[in-house]
Amino acid sequence: MMGCEHIRNIMAIEDARVTAVSDPHEESRNWARLTAEDPSLELYADHRELLEKAPVDAVVVASPNHTHADVLEAVWESGKHVMIEKPMCTTLEDCREVERRAAGHPGVVWVGLEYRYLAPVARFLAELAAGRAGDLKMLAIREHRHPFLPKVGNWNRFSRNTGGTLVEKCCHFFDLMNLATGSSPVRVYASGGQDVNHLEEFYDGERSDILDNAMVIVDYASGCRASLDLCMFAESSRNEQELVAVGTGGKLECTVPEGTLVTGGREFRKFEVETIPLDPRVGYQGFHHGASFLEHLDFLAAIREGRPADVTVRDGLRSVAIGLAAHRSIETGAPVSMAALGVE
């Protein structure tokens, strides 16, 4: 699904072209051919063969989460520019290895955390950075949405493949927390469970173990507290994402997909509501309201201008680490120190 989504986004960029696709799954290769609508598209069953033979300048890794580390081994050898879909990897060990290899890689290494490009979220972050809420003290993110979609071979029904729901889905939100606070996560507390979805789903005799709801609190070195409220059996939600920031100078709220930004100071019930328009550069809206398109534009600009990625492997590692800490907290019933994970 995300592989085809990346193809559509690249097709909408005037001076970029998808030249080759690799996937070990034949049906996925066929979907890629249909999506690209290009008879010259080269298809490979092995990513190593693509990297060796295909006419590519950059690659997008959109394979299942647990395969990223192995696929990247061939990418490092190729020297190609690379965008790595979120989550960067499913374990801290793999994330650290990616960070180590990326440090010496000649190409741009970009992590696909596109939620920061959503128009209302980008504006929300910009207003926070400009001091609109004063000194940030509280940040709350809510995602109430539909369940996980089926994937090839049902790989996303098991935490060992995804990293767990709070890595697979919520690395986006932990990345936004890190950006909004401008600080380092210190401590994570979480509660969650699998209460509604996938309870009767069995694959080769094994039941799916994917969490479908959770609440996570992250303490930051700055003194800010951030929280995540996740529910994946809330299909009727008016907005899928809601972000709320409160500081010494006021409050900011934004919604997706409604696209509103609400700003106010400390005066009683005095606030302004603004509808945030789509970025005029967006050529394809897709699944993420144009965010993936803008992400690709910036990735392309970094390649052409010879500058580092805006969304770094360190961003990818920290967003995964908070999710892993949250899962550990759920399992143990205790707070988890980021220092105990060796993450600053």
Foldseek 3Di string as FASTA:
>chain_A
DVVLVLQLLQVLDPPGHQAEDEDLDPVVQVVNCVSRVDPRRHYYPDLLVCLVDTPDQEEEDPDFQQCLLVSVVSVLVSLHAYEYEPLNHLDLVSLVVVVVSVVPRQHAYHYPLLLCQQQLNVVVLVCLVVQLQPQWAEKEKEFEAAADDADVVSQVLACVRQSACLRNPVLSVLLSVCSNNVFAWWKKAKAWAQDDPQQPPADPRHGRGHTAWMKMWTQTPSNHIYMYTGGHHRHVDPFRMKMWIHDPFWIWIATPPQQKIWTDGPDPPDIDIDHGDQDPVQSDLPPPGRSSSVQVVQSVVCRVVVHYYPHDSLSSSRSSLNSNQRVVNNVVVDMDTSVVVVRD
